[in-house]
């Protein structure tokens, strides 16, 4: 009998800010994705500005 799958983690705005900080520090997208337990495509969507707009500016203000 198959177990029901648990839902995937959804990145928050705060996660997106942290993604930017890790990305600028030189961390690979696949490693960032593994940290958050999400598909690498979700990290790439943050970097490309498709998900959580404004997170890049928020990360720059924190730097």
Protein backbone atom coordinates (compact mmCIF):
# COMPACT_ATOMS: atom_id res chain seq x y z
CA UNK A 1 0.00 0.00 0.00
CA UNK A 2 1.44 3.36 -1.04
CA UNK A 3 1.96 6.05 1.55
CA UNK A 4 0.40 9.44 0.87
CA UNK A 5 3.01 11.94 -0.24
CA UNK A 6 3.65 14.89 2.01
CA UNK A 7 3.31 18.29 0.32
CA UNK A 8 6.44 20.00 -0.93
CA UNK A 9 7.88 22.83 1.10
CA UNK A 10 6.83 26.29 -0.09
CA UNK A 11 9.51 28.95 -0.03
CA UNK A 12 8.64 32.05 1.96
CA UNK A 13 9.77 35.60 1.25
CA UNK A 14 12.32 35.27 4.06
CA UNK A 15 13.61 32.08 2.42
CA UNK A 16 13.97 33.96 -0.86
CA UNK A 17 16.06 36.64 0.86
CA UNK A 18 18.30 33.92 2.28
CA UNK A 19 18.53 32.32 -1.18
CA UNK A 20 19.87 35.60 -2.56
CA UNK A 21 22.46 35.85 0.22
CA UNK A 22 23.66 32.30 -0.36
CA UNK A 23 23.69 32.79 -4.14
CA UNK A 24 25.83 35.93 -3.86
CA UNK A 25 28.18 34.06 -1.54
CA UNK A 26 28.83 31.63 -4.39
CA UNK A 27 26.74 28.68 -3.24
CA UNK A 28 25.40 26.51 -6.07
CA UNK A 29 21.66 26.55 -6.71
CA UNK A 30 21.39 22.78 -6.25
CA UNK A 31 22.99 23.05 -2.78
CA UNK A 32 20.66 25.90 -1.82
CA UNK A 33 17.70 23.82 -2.99
CA UNK A 34 18.88 20.85 -0.94
CA UNK A 35 19.11 23.05 2.17
CA UNK A 36 15.48 24.14 1.76
CA UNK A 37 14.36 20.68 0.57
CA UNK A 38 12.89 22.05 -2.67
CA UNK A 39 13.42 21.45 -6.36
CA UNK A 40 16.30 23.42 -7.86
CA UNK A 41 13.78 25.05 -10.21
CA UNK A 42 12.18 26.86 -7.25
CA UNK A 43 15.53 28.43 -6.35
CA UNK A 44 16.05 29.39 -9.98
CA UNK A 45 12.61 31.04 -10.05
CA UNK A 46 13.69 33.25 -7.14
CA UNK A 47 16.97 34.15 -8.89
CA UNK A 48 15.16 34.92 -12.17
CA UNK A 49 12.63 37.12 -10.34
CA UNK A 50 9.61 34.95 -11.13
CA UNK A 51 8.94 34.09 -7.48
CA UNK A 52 8.98 36.47 -4.49
CA UNK A 53 9.61 39.75 -6.31
CA UNK A 54 11.36 42.27 -4.11
CA UNK A 55 13.40 39.66 -2.29
CA UNK A 56 16.59 40.71 -4.08
CA UNK A 57 16.19 44.31 -2.94
CA UNK A 58 15.41 43.17 0.60
CA UNK A 59 18.56 41.03 0.60
CA UNK A 60 20.64 43.98 -0.67
CA UNK A 61 19.33 46.16 2.18
CA UNK A 62 20.43 43.49 4.68
CA UNK A 63 23.94 43.19 3.22
